[in-house]
Amino acid sequence: MSRAVKPGVTFLAHHDIFAKDAPNSFQACSLQAQMAANVYLSMPDEGGTLQIWDQQLSAEAFDEMRGDSYGIDPTLLGAATLEVCPEAGDLILFNSRKMHAVTPGSEGMRLSLSCFVGYRGPATPLSFWS
């Protein structure tokens, strides 16, 4: 998936869990781990920082906090465990089941290519989707 994010846009705190989105899918429920893979093509002059929290919220707690939105205000989670400000050309892999958000950028577009990588064990090839 490609993303072009204009200056000033924030990605709210959220998690990406394939099994939550497709609870009746063997492909989704057989995952032992799920990662996000982001390649950054260009970054704003300032901001666009990837924030990751170590805690995992239950699906129920997250849904209650977010209401009708896709995510929640990152300040509700406290300080992020990790903050990474990618540069053009960087590849970042992280556990997408952990809460994550992106701070707003200033001047310049944030362009990236993204997909998910699924792990089902040492005898099974990795799977990719977006």
N, C-alpha and C. Protein backbone atom coordinates (compact mmCIF):
# COMPACT_ATOMS: atom_id res chain seq x y z
N MET A 1 0.84 -1.15 0.00
CA MET A 1 0.00 0.00 0.00
C MET A 1 0.90 1.23 0.00
N SER A 2 0.53 2.21 -0.76
CA SER A 2 1.29 3.46 -0.75
C SER A 2 0.49 4.51 0.00
N ARG A 3 1.22 5.38 0.71
CA ARG A 3 0.57 6.44 1.46
C ARG A 3 1.26 7.76 1.17
N ALA A 4 0.46 8.77 0.89
CA ALA A 4 0.95 10.14 0.74
C ALA A 4 0.23 10.96 1.80
N VAL A 5 0.99 11.45 2.78
CA VAL A 5 0.40 12.15 3.92
C VAL A 5 0.81 13.61 3.87
N LYS A 6 -0.18 14.47 3.85
CA LYS A 6 0.06 15.91 3.80
C LYS A 6 0.53 16.44 5.16
N PRO A 7 1.21 17.58 5.16
CA PRO A 7 1.64 18.19 6.43
C PRO A 7 0.45 18.41 7.36
N GLY A 8 0.68 18.23 8.65
CA GLY A 8 -0.34 18.48 9.65
C GLY A 8 -1.24 17.30 9.98
N VAL A 9 -1.13 16.19 9.22
CA VAL A 9 -1.99 15.03 9.45
C VAL A 9 -1.38 14.13 10.52
N THR A 10 -2.22 13.75 11.49
CA THR A 10 -1.82 12.84 12.56
C THR A 10 -2.46 11.48 12.33
N PHE A 11 -1.73 10.40 12.57
CA PHE A 11 -2.33 9.07 12.60
C PHE A 11 -2.59 8.76 14.06
N LEU A 12 -3.82 8.57 14.44
CA LEU A 12 -4.17 8.28 15.82
C LEU A 12 -3.55 6.95 16.27
N ALA A 13 -3.47 6.77 17.57
CA ALA A 13 -2.95 5.51 18.11
C ALA A 13 -3.92 4.38 17.78
N HIS A 14 -3.37 3.30 17.26
CA HIS A 14 -4.18 2.15 16.87
C HIS A 14 -3.29 0.91 16.85
N HIS A 15 -3.91 -0.23 16.68
CA HIS A 15 -3.16 -1.46 16.44
C HIS A 15 -3.77 -2.14 15.23
N ASP A 16 -2.98 -2.95 14.58
CA ASP A 16 -3.44 -3.70 13.40
C ASP A 16 -3.32 -5.17 13.74
N ILE A 17 -4.48 -5.83 13.85
CA ILE A 17 -4.53 -7.24 14.22
C ILE A 17 -5.42 -7.95 13.21
N PHE A 18 -4.81 -8.70 12.30
CA PHE A 18 -5.54 -9.38 11.23
C PHE A 18 -6.64 -10.28 11.80
N ALA A 19 -6.35 -11.02 12.86
CA ALA A 19 -7.33 -11.95 13.42
C ALA A 19 -8.56 -11.21 13.98
N LYS A 20 -8.39 -9.98 14.42
CA LYS A 20 -9.52 -9.19 14.90
C LYS A 20 -10.41 -8.78 13.73
N ASP A 21 -9.76 -8.45 12.61
CA ASP A 21 -10.51 -8.01 11.43
C ASP A 21 -11.17 -9.16 10.69
N ALA A 22 -10.60 -10.36 10.82
CA ALA A 22 -11.14 -11.53 10.10
C ALA A 22 -11.16 -12.74 11.05
N PRO A 23 -12.03 -12.71 12.07
CA PRO A 23 -12.00 -13.76 13.10
C PRO A 23 -12.33 -15.17 12.60
N ASN A 24 -12.96 -15.28 11.46
CA ASN A 24 -13.31 -16.61 10.92
C ASN A 24 -12.35 -17.09 9.85
N SER A 25 -11.25 -16.36 9.67
CA SER A 25 -10.28 -16.71 8.64
C SER A 25 -9.13 -17.52 9.23
N PHE A 26 -8.89 -18.70 8.68
CA PHE A 26 -7.75 -19.50 9.11
C PHE A 26 -6.45 -18.74 8.86
N GLN A 27 -6.36 -18.06 7.72
CA GLN A 27 -5.15 -17.30 7.40
C GLN A 27 -4.86 -16.25 8.48
N ALA A 28 -5.89 -15.62 8.99
CA ALA A 28 -5.70 -14.59 10.02
C ALA A 28 -5.42 -15.20 11.38
N CYS A 29 -6.18 -16.21 11.75
CA CYS A 29 -6.09 -16.77 13.11
C CYS A 29 -4.89 -17.69 13.30
N SER A 30 -4.27 -18.13 12.22
CA SER A 30 -3.11 -19.02 12.35
C SER A 30 -1.80 -18.25 12.52
N LEU A 31 -1.85 -16.93 12.49
CA LEU A 31 -0.63 -16.14 12.65
C LEU A 31 -0.10 -16.24 14.08
N GLN A 32 1.19 -16.47 14.21
CA GLN A 32 1.85 -16.42 15.52
C GLN A 32 2.37 -15.01 15.79
N ALA A 33 2.68 -14.28 14.73
CA ALA A 33 3.17 -12.91 14.85
C ALA A 33 2.78 -12.14 13.60
N GLN A 34 2.60 -10.85 13.77
CA GLN A 34 2.26 -9.96 12.66
C GLN A 34 3.10 -8.70 12.78
N MET A 35 3.78 -8.34 11.70
CA MET A 35 4.61 -7.14 11.69
C MET A 35 4.13 -6.19 10.60
N ALA A 36 4.37 -4.92 10.83
CA ALA A 36 4.19 -3.92 9.78
C ALA A 36 5.57 -3.65 9.18
N ALA A 37 5.61 -3.48 7.88
CA ALA A 37 6.85 -3.13 7.18
C ALA A 37 6.59 -1.84 6.43
N ASN A 38 7.32 -0.78 6.80
CA ASN A 38 7.18 0.53 6.17
C ASN A 38 8.50 0.95 5.53
N VAL A 39 8.44 1.30 4.26
CA VAL A 39 9.59 1.89 3.57
C VAL A 39 9.24 3.34 3.33
N TYR A 40 10.12 4.24 3.77
CA TYR A 40 9.86 5.67 3.69
C TYR A 40 10.56 6.25 2.46
N LEU A 41 9.77 6.85 1.57
CA LEU A 41 10.31 7.41 0.33
C LEU A 41 10.68 8.88 0.49
N SER A 42 9.89 9.60 1.27
CA SER A 42 10.23 10.99 1.61
C SER A 42 9.57 11.31 2.94
N MET A 43 10.18 12.25 3.66
CA MET A 43 9.69 12.63 4.98
C MET A 43 9.59 14.15 5.05
N PRO A 44 8.67 14.64 5.90
CA PRO A 44 8.58 16.09 6.10
C PRO A 44 9.85 16.62 6.78
N ASP A 45 10.04 17.92 6.71
CA ASP A 45 11.21 18.54 7.35
C ASP A 45 11.24 18.27 8.85
N GLU A 46 10.09 18.28 9.49
CA GLU A 46 9.97 17.98 10.91
C GLU A 46 8.72 17.15 11.12
N GLY A 47 8.74 16.31 12.17
CA GLY A 47 7.58 15.49 12.51
C GLY A 47 7.51 14.23 11.68
N GLY A 48 6.33 13.63 11.66
CA GLY A 48 6.17 12.35 10.97
C GLY A 48 6.78 11.20 11.76
N THR A 49 6.93 11.40 13.05
CA THR A 49 7.58 10.42 13.93
C THR A 49 6.66 9.25 14.21
N LEU A 50 7.19 8.04 14.10
CA LEU A 50 6.46 6.83 14.45
C LEU A 50 6.58 6.62 15.95
N GLN A 51 5.45 6.53 16.62
CA GLN A 51 5.42 6.29 18.06
C GLN A 51 4.88 4.88 18.29
N ILE A 52 5.54 4.14 19.18
CA ILE A 52 5.11 2.77 19.49
C ILE A 52 5.05 2.62 21.01
N TRP A 53 3.96 2.03 21.48
CA TRP A 53 3.80 1.74 22.90
C TRP A 53 3.99 0.25 23.12
N ASP A 54 4.63 -0.10 24.22
CA ASP A 54 4.92 -1.50 24.51
C ASP A 54 3.67 -2.27 24.92
N GLN A 55 2.71 -1.59 25.50
CA GLN A 55 1.52 -2.30 25.97
C GLN A 55 0.62 -2.70 24.81
N GLN A 56 -0.14 -3.75 25.03
CA GLN A 56 -1.16 -4.15 24.08
C GLN A 56 -2.50 -3.95 24.77
N LEU A 57 -3.42 -3.30 24.11
CA LEU A 57 -4.77 -3.16 24.63
C LEU A 57 -5.60 -4.31 24.12
N SER A 58 -6.49 -4.80 24.95
CA SER A 58 -7.41 -5.84 24.45
C SER A 58 -8.28 -5.21 23.37
N ALA A 59 -8.80 -6.04 22.50
CA ALA A 59 -9.68 -5.55 21.44
C ALA A 59 -10.87 -4.82 22.03
N GLU A 60 -11.40 -5.34 23.13
CA GLU A 60 -12.57 -4.73 23.76
C GLU A 60 -12.24 -3.35 24.33
N ALA A 61 -11.11 -3.25 25.04
CA ALA A 61 -10.71 -1.96 25.63
C ALA A 61 -10.45 -0.93 24.53
N PHE A 62 -9.76 -1.35 23.48
CA PHE A 62 -9.49 -0.43 22.38
C PHE A 62 -10.78 0.05 21.74
N ASP A 63 -11.70 -0.87 21.46
CA ASP A 63 -12.97 -0.50 20.82
C ASP A 63 -13.77 0.46 21.70
N GLU A 64 -13.74 0.25 23.00
CA GLU A 64 -14.46 1.14 23.91
C GLU A 64 -13.84 2.53 23.89
N MET A 65 -12.51 2.61 23.88
CA MET A 65 -11.82 3.91 23.90
C MET A 65 -11.99 4.66 22.59
N ARG A 66 -12.03 3.95 21.47
CA ARG A 66 -12.05 4.64 20.17
C ARG A 66 -13.44 5.07 19.73
N GLY A 67 -14.47 4.42 20.22
CA GLY A 67 -15.83 4.76 19.78
C GLY A 67 -15.99 4.53 18.29
N ASP A 68 -16.36 5.58 17.55
CA ASP A 68 -16.59 5.47 16.11
C ASP A 68 -15.34 5.75 15.28
N SER A 69 -14.24 6.08 15.92
CA SER A 69 -13.00 6.43 15.22
C SER A 69 -12.16 5.18 14.96
N TYR A 70 -11.20 5.28 14.06
CA TYR A 70 -10.29 4.15 13.80
C TYR A 70 -9.23 4.04 14.88
N GLY A 71 -9.03 5.13 15.66
CA GLY A 71 -7.97 5.13 16.67
C GLY A 71 -8.31 6.02 17.84
N ILE A 72 -7.33 6.18 18.73
CA ILE A 72 -7.53 6.99 19.93
C ILE A 72 -6.45 8.06 20.02
N ASP A 73 -6.74 9.08 20.81
CA ASP A 73 -5.77 10.14 21.04
C ASP A 73 -4.54 9.53 21.72
N PRO A 74 -3.36 9.69 21.13
CA PRO A 74 -2.16 9.09 21.71
C PRO A 74 -1.87 9.52 23.16
N THR A 75 -2.34 10.69 23.57
CA THR A 75 -2.09 11.13 24.94
C THR A 75 -2.78 10.24 25.97
N LEU A 76 -3.80 9.48 25.56
CA LEU A 76 -4.48 8.57 26.48
C LEU A 76 -3.59 7.40 26.89
N LEU A 77 -2.52 7.16 26.12
CA LEU A 77 -1.63 6.03 26.39
C LEU A 77 -0.40 6.42 27.19
N GLY A 78 -0.23 7.70 27.45
CA GLY A 78 0.98 8.16 28.13
C GLY A 78 2.12 8.26 27.14
N ALA A 79 3.32 8.36 27.66
CA ALA A 79 4.51 8.52 26.79
C ALA A 79 4.74 7.24 26.00
N ALA A 80 5.09 7.41 24.74
CA ALA A 80 5.41 6.25 23.88
C ALA A 80 6.67 5.57 24.41
N THR A 81 6.72 4.26 24.26
CA THR A 81 7.90 3.50 24.65
C THR A 81 9.06 3.78 23.71
N LEU A 82 8.73 3.99 22.44
CA LEU A 82 9.75 4.22 21.41
C LEU A 82 9.22 5.26 20.43
N GLU A 83 10.09 6.17 20.03
CA GLU A 83 9.77 7.14 18.98
C GLU A 83 10.89 7.10 17.96
N VAL A 84 10.52 6.91 16.69
CA VAL A 84 11.51 6.83 15.61
C VAL A 84 11.11 7.85 14.55
N CYS A 85 12.07 8.68 14.17
CA CYS A 85 11.83 9.63 13.09
C CYS A 85 12.54 9.09 11.85
N PRO A 86 11.80 8.41 10.98
CA PRO A 86 12.43 7.79 9.81
C PRO A 86 13.00 8.82 8.86
N GLU A 87 13.96 8.39 8.08
CA GLU A 87 14.50 9.19 6.99
C GLU A 87 14.18 8.50 5.68
N ALA A 88 14.19 9.25 4.60
CA ALA A 88 13.93 8.66 3.28
C ALA A 88 14.90 7.51 3.06
N GLY A 89 14.36 6.37 2.62
CA GLY A 89 15.16 5.18 2.37
C GLY A 89 15.14 4.17 3.50
N ASP A 90 14.62 4.56 4.67
CA ASP A 90 14.58 3.64 5.81
C ASP A 90 13.48 2.60 5.64
N LEU A 91 13.75 1.40 6.16
CA LEU A 91 12.77 0.33 6.30
C LEU A 91 12.60 0.11 7.80
N ILE A 92 11.37 0.16 8.27
CA ILE A 92 11.10 -0.09 9.68
C ILE A 92 10.10 -1.25 9.77
N LEU A 93 10.47 -2.28 10.54
CA LEU A 93 9.60 -3.41 10.84
C LEU A 93 9.24 -3.32 12.32
N PHE A 94 7.97 -3.49 12.65
CA PHE A 94 7.57 -3.48 14.06
C PHE A 94 6.33 -4.33 14.26
N ASN A 95 6.11 -4.72 15.50
CA ASN A 95 4.95 -5.52 15.86
C ASN A 95 3.69 -4.66 15.74
N SER A 96 2.89 -4.92 14.71
CA SER A 96 1.72 -4.09 14.46
C SER A 96 0.59 -4.35 15.45
N ARG A 97 0.73 -5.38 16.29
CA ARG A 97 -0.27 -5.65 17.32
C ARG A 97 -0.09 -4.71 18.52
N LYS A 98 1.04 -4.02 18.58
CA LYS A 98 1.27 -3.01 19.62
C LYS A 98 0.64 -1.70 19.16
N MET A 99 0.24 -0.88 20.10
CA MET A 99 -0.33 0.42 19.76
C MET A 99 0.75 1.28 19.10
N HIS A 100 0.36 1.99 18.03
CA HIS A 100 1.30 2.87 17.33
C HIS A 100 0.55 4.05 16.73
N ALA A 101 1.28 5.12 16.51
CA ALA A 101 0.71 6.36 15.98
C ALA A 101 1.80 7.10 15.21
N VAL A 102 1.41 8.16 14.51
CA VAL A 102 2.36 8.99 13.77
C VAL A 102 2.05 10.45 14.08
N THR A 103 3.08 11.20 14.46
CA THR A 103 2.90 12.62 14.75
C THR A 103 2.74 13.41 13.45
N PRO A 104 2.10 14.58 13.52
CA PRO A 104 1.95 15.39 12.30
C PRO A 104 3.30 15.91 11.82
N GLY A 105 3.43 15.99 10.52
CA GLY A 105 4.65 16.54 9.93
C GLY A 105 4.45 17.99 9.54
N SER A 106 5.57 18.68 9.33
CA SER A 106 5.52 20.05 8.85
C SER A 106 5.79 20.03 7.35
N GLU A 107 6.35 21.03 6.83
CA GLU A 107 6.64 21.19 5.40
C GLU A 107 7.06 19.89 4.73
N GLY A 108 6.40 19.55 3.66
CA GLY A 108 6.77 18.38 2.87
C GLY A 108 5.87 17.18 3.14
N MET A 109 5.74 16.35 2.12
CA MET A 109 4.91 15.16 2.19
C MET A 109 5.65 14.01 2.87
N ARG A 110 4.89 13.13 3.50
CA ARG A 110 5.41 11.88 4.04
C ARG A 110 4.92 10.79 3.10
N LEU A 111 5.82 10.24 2.31
CA LEU A 111 5.48 9.19 1.35
C LEU A 111 6.06 7.87 1.82
N SER A 112 5.22 6.83 1.82
CA SER A 112 5.71 5.53 2.27
C SER A 112 5.01 4.40 1.53
N LEU A 113 5.66 3.25 1.54
CA LEU A 113 5.09 2.00 1.05
C LEU A 113 4.99 1.07 2.26
N SER A 114 3.86 0.41 2.41
CA SER A 114 3.64 -0.41 3.60
C SER A 114 3.00 -1.73 3.25
N CYS A 115 3.28 -2.73 4.08
CA CYS A 115 2.58 -4.00 4.01
C CYS A 115 2.69 -4.66 5.37
N PHE A 116 1.98 -5.75 5.54
CA PHE A 116 2.09 -6.57 6.75
C PHE A 116 2.82 -7.84 6.40
N VAL A 117 3.53 -8.37 7.39
CA VAL A 117 4.27 -9.62 7.25
C VAL A 117 3.76 -10.56 8.34
N GLY A 118 3.32 -11.74 7.94
CA GLY A 118 2.80 -12.70 8.90
C GLY A 118 3.74 -13.88 9.08
N TYR A 119 3.88 -14.32 10.33
CA TYR A 119 4.72 -15.47 10.69
C TYR A 119 3.84 -16.55 11.29
N ARG A 120 3.95 -17.77 10.76
CA ARG A 120 3.15 -18.90 11.25
C ARG A 120 4.01 -20.03 11.79
N GLY A 121 5.31 -19.81 11.89
CA GLY A 121 6.20 -20.84 12.41
C GLY A 121 7.34 -21.13 11.45
N PRO A 122 8.36 -21.86 11.94
CA PRO A 122 9.58 -22.07 11.14
C PRO A 122 9.38 -22.93 9.89
N ALA A 123 8.32 -23.71 9.83
CA ALA A 123 8.10 -24.59 8.68
C ALA A 123 7.20 -23.96 7.62
N THR A 124 6.77 -22.73 7.84
CA THR A 124 5.83 -22.08 6.94
C THR A 124 6.45 -20.79 6.40
N PRO A 125 6.32 -20.54 5.10
CA PRO A 125 6.86 -19.28 4.56
C PRO A 125 6.14 -18.07 5.15
N LEU A 126 6.83 -16.95 5.18
CA LEU A 126 6.20 -15.70 5.58
C LEU A 126 5.10 -15.34 4.59
N SER A 127 4.09 -14.65 5.05
CA SER A 127 3.05 -14.17 4.15
C SER A 127 3.02 -12.65 4.20
N PHE A 128 2.55 -12.05 3.13
CA PHE A 128 2.53 -10.59 3.00
C PHE A 128 1.16 -10.14 2.51
N TRP A 129 0.68 -9.02 3.04
CA TRP A 129 -0.59 -8.44 2.58
C TRP A 129 -0.61 -6.98 2.97
N SER A 130 -1.58 -6.27 2.40
CA SER A 130 -1.75 -4.85 2.77
C SER A 130 -3.22 -4.53 2.88
